[in-house]
Amino acid sequence: MEIAPRISVDEKIRFGKPVISGTRVPVELILGKLAAGMTYQEIMDEYVITREDILAVLNYAANTISSEQIKVIA
């Protein structure tokens, strides 16, 4: 099931974690690779995905975080 453009979930793929549609590449993996300093090109070459897939991952992450609610406990 597509939950965002180019991002889908299926309980039979990667334990239901969000992945790039049509692949088994998890969103969290791509975010981690970017955070570690890999370039778009390195990621595209290693995981056989497109620049648009990476941008979809970033968009999904941004939208997910923007709706997050944080409760401060003092």
C-alpha atoms as a PDB file:
ATOM      1  CA  MET A   1       0.000   0.000   0.000  1.00  0.00           C
ATOM      2  CA  GLU A   2       1.395   3.388  -0.983  1.00  0.00           C
ATOM      3  CA  ILE A   3       1.412   5.727   2.031  1.00  0.00           C
ATOM      4  CA  ALA A   4       3.128   8.634   0.278  1.00  0.00           C
ATOM      5  CA  PRO A   5       4.353   9.279  -3.254  1.00  0.00           C
ATOM      6  CA  ARG A   6       6.938   6.533  -4.029  1.00  0.00           C
ATOM      7  CA  ILE A   7       6.782   5.199  -0.435  1.00  0.00           C
ATOM      8  CA  SER A   8       4.878   2.053   0.481  1.00  0.00           C
ATOM      9  CA  VAL A   9       4.369  -0.452   3.264  1.00  0.00           C
ATOM     10  CA  ASP A  10       3.645  -4.161   3.077  1.00  0.00           C
ATOM     11  CA  GLU A  11       3.737  -6.417   6.124  1.00  0.00           C
ATOM     12  CA  LYS A  12       5.541  -9.027   3.997  1.00  0.00           C
ATOM     13  CA  ILE A  13       8.365  -6.647   3.045  1.00  0.00           C
ATOM     14  CA  ARG A  14      10.866  -5.471   5.673  1.00  0.00           C
ATOM     15  CA  PHE A  15       8.414  -6.223   8.513  1.00  0.00           C
ATOM     16  CA  GLY A  16       5.976  -3.548   7.315  1.00  0.00           C
ATOM     17  CA  LYS A  17       8.489  -0.703   7.517  1.00  0.00           C
ATOM     18  CA  PRO A  18       8.181   2.079   4.901  1.00  0.00           C
ATOM     19  CA  VAL A  19      10.216   1.313   1.784  1.00  0.00           C
ATOM     20  CA  ILE A  20      10.753   2.902  -1.593  1.00  0.00           C
ATOM     21  CA  SER A  21       7.906   1.562  -3.738  1.00  0.00           C
ATOM     22  CA  GLY A  22       8.878  -1.381  -5.905  1.00  0.00           C
ATOM     23  CA  THR A  23      11.998  -2.095  -3.831  1.00  0.00           C
ATOM     24  CA  ARG A  24      12.982  -3.555  -0.480  1.00  0.00           C
ATOM     25  CA  VAL A  25      15.000  -0.426   0.377  1.00  0.00           C
ATOM     26  CA  PRO A  26      13.792   1.011   3.707  1.00  0.00           C
ATOM     27  CA  VAL A  27      13.261   4.737   4.151  1.00  0.00           C
ATOM     28  CA  GLU A  28      15.275   4.677   7.382  1.00  0.00           C
ATOM     29  CA  LEU A  29      18.276   3.149   5.585  1.00  0.00           C
ATOM     30  CA  ILE A  30      18.405   5.966   3.032  1.00  0.00           C
ATOM     31  CA  LEU A  31      18.034   8.597   5.746  1.00  0.00           C
ATOM     32  CA  GLY A  32      20.870   6.996   7.676  1.00  0.00           C
ATOM     33  CA  LYS A  33      23.119   6.901   4.620  1.00  0.00           C
ATOM     34  CA  LEU A  34      22.459  10.580   3.933  1.00  0.00           C
ATOM     35  CA  ALA A  35      23.120  11.462   7.577  1.00  0.00           C
ATOM     36  CA  ALA A  36      26.405   9.539   7.395  1.00  0.00           C
ATOM     37  CA  GLY A  37      27.508  11.690   4.476  1.00  0.00           C
ATOM     38  CA  MET A  38      26.887   9.525   1.434  1.00  0.00           C
ATOM     39  CA  THR A  39      26.074  11.470  -1.708  1.00  0.00           C
ATOM     40  CA  TYR A  40      22.912  11.000  -3.718  1.00  0.00           C
ATOM     41  CA  GLN A  41      24.995   9.403  -6.472  1.00  0.00           C
ATOM     42  CA  GLU A  42      26.651   6.923  -4.106  1.00  0.00           C
ATOM     43  CA  ILE A  43      23.262   5.895  -2.733  1.00  0.00           C
ATOM     44  CA  MET A  44      21.723   5.631  -6.200  1.00  0.00           C
ATOM     45  CA  ASP A  45      24.585   3.423  -7.364  1.00  0.00           C
ATOM     46  CA  GLU A  46      24.595   1.195  -4.287  1.00  0.00           C
ATOM     47  CA  TYR A  47      20.827   0.647  -4.024  1.00  0.00           C
ATOM     48  CA  VAL A  48      19.770   1.072  -7.663  1.00  0.00           C
ATOM     49  CA  ILE A  49      17.289   3.831  -6.914  1.00  0.00           C
ATOM     50  CA  THR A  50      16.698   7.240  -8.497  1.00  0.00           C
ATOM     51  CA  ARG A  51      17.193  10.797  -7.320  1.00  0.00           C
ATOM     52  CA  GLU A  52      13.399  11.079  -7.223  1.00  0.00           C
ATOM     53  CA  ASP A  53      13.282   8.119  -4.833  1.00  0.00           C
ATOM     54  CA  ILE A  54      15.715   9.867  -2.483  1.00  0.00           C
ATOM     55  CA  LEU A  55      13.697  13.075  -2.646  1.00  0.00           C
ATOM     56  CA  ALA A  56      10.535  11.073  -1.878  1.00  0.00           C
ATOM     57  CA  VAL A  57      12.275   9.628   1.198  1.00  0.00           C
ATOM     58  CA  LEU A  58      13.202  13.118   2.381  1.00  0.00           C
ATOM     59  CA  ASN A  59       9.703  14.417   1.728  1.00  0.00           C
ATOM     60  CA  TYR A  60       8.143  11.503   3.617  1.00  0.00           C
ATOM     61  CA  ALA A  61      10.493  12.068   6.568  1.00  0.00           C
ATOM     62  CA  ALA A  62       9.793  15.806   6.628  1.00  0.00           C
ATOM     63  CA  ASN A  63       6.033  15.255   6.529  1.00  0.00           C
ATOM     64  CA  THR A  64       6.224  12.609   9.252  1.00  0.00           C
ATOM     65  CA  ILE A  65       8.259  14.834  11.552  1.00  0.00           C
ATOM     66  CA  SER A  66       6.049  17.861  10.903  1.00  0.00           C
ATOM     67  CA  SER A  67       3.042  15.992  12.299  1.00  0.00           C
ATOM     68  CA  GLU A  68       4.942  14.630  15.292  1.00  0.00           C
ATOM     69  CA  GLN A  69       3.765  15.756  18.714  1.00  0.00           C
ATOM     70  CA  ILE A  70       6.311  16.133  21.452  1.00  0.00           C
ATOM     71  CA  LYS A  71       5.334  16.276  25.114  1.00  0.00           C
ATOM     72  CA  VAL A  72       7.862  17.789  27.461  1.00  0.00           C
ATOM     73  CA  ILE A  73       7.973  16.234  30.902  1.00  0.00           C
ATOM     74  CA  ALA A  74       9.751  18.333  33.499  1.00  0.00           C
END
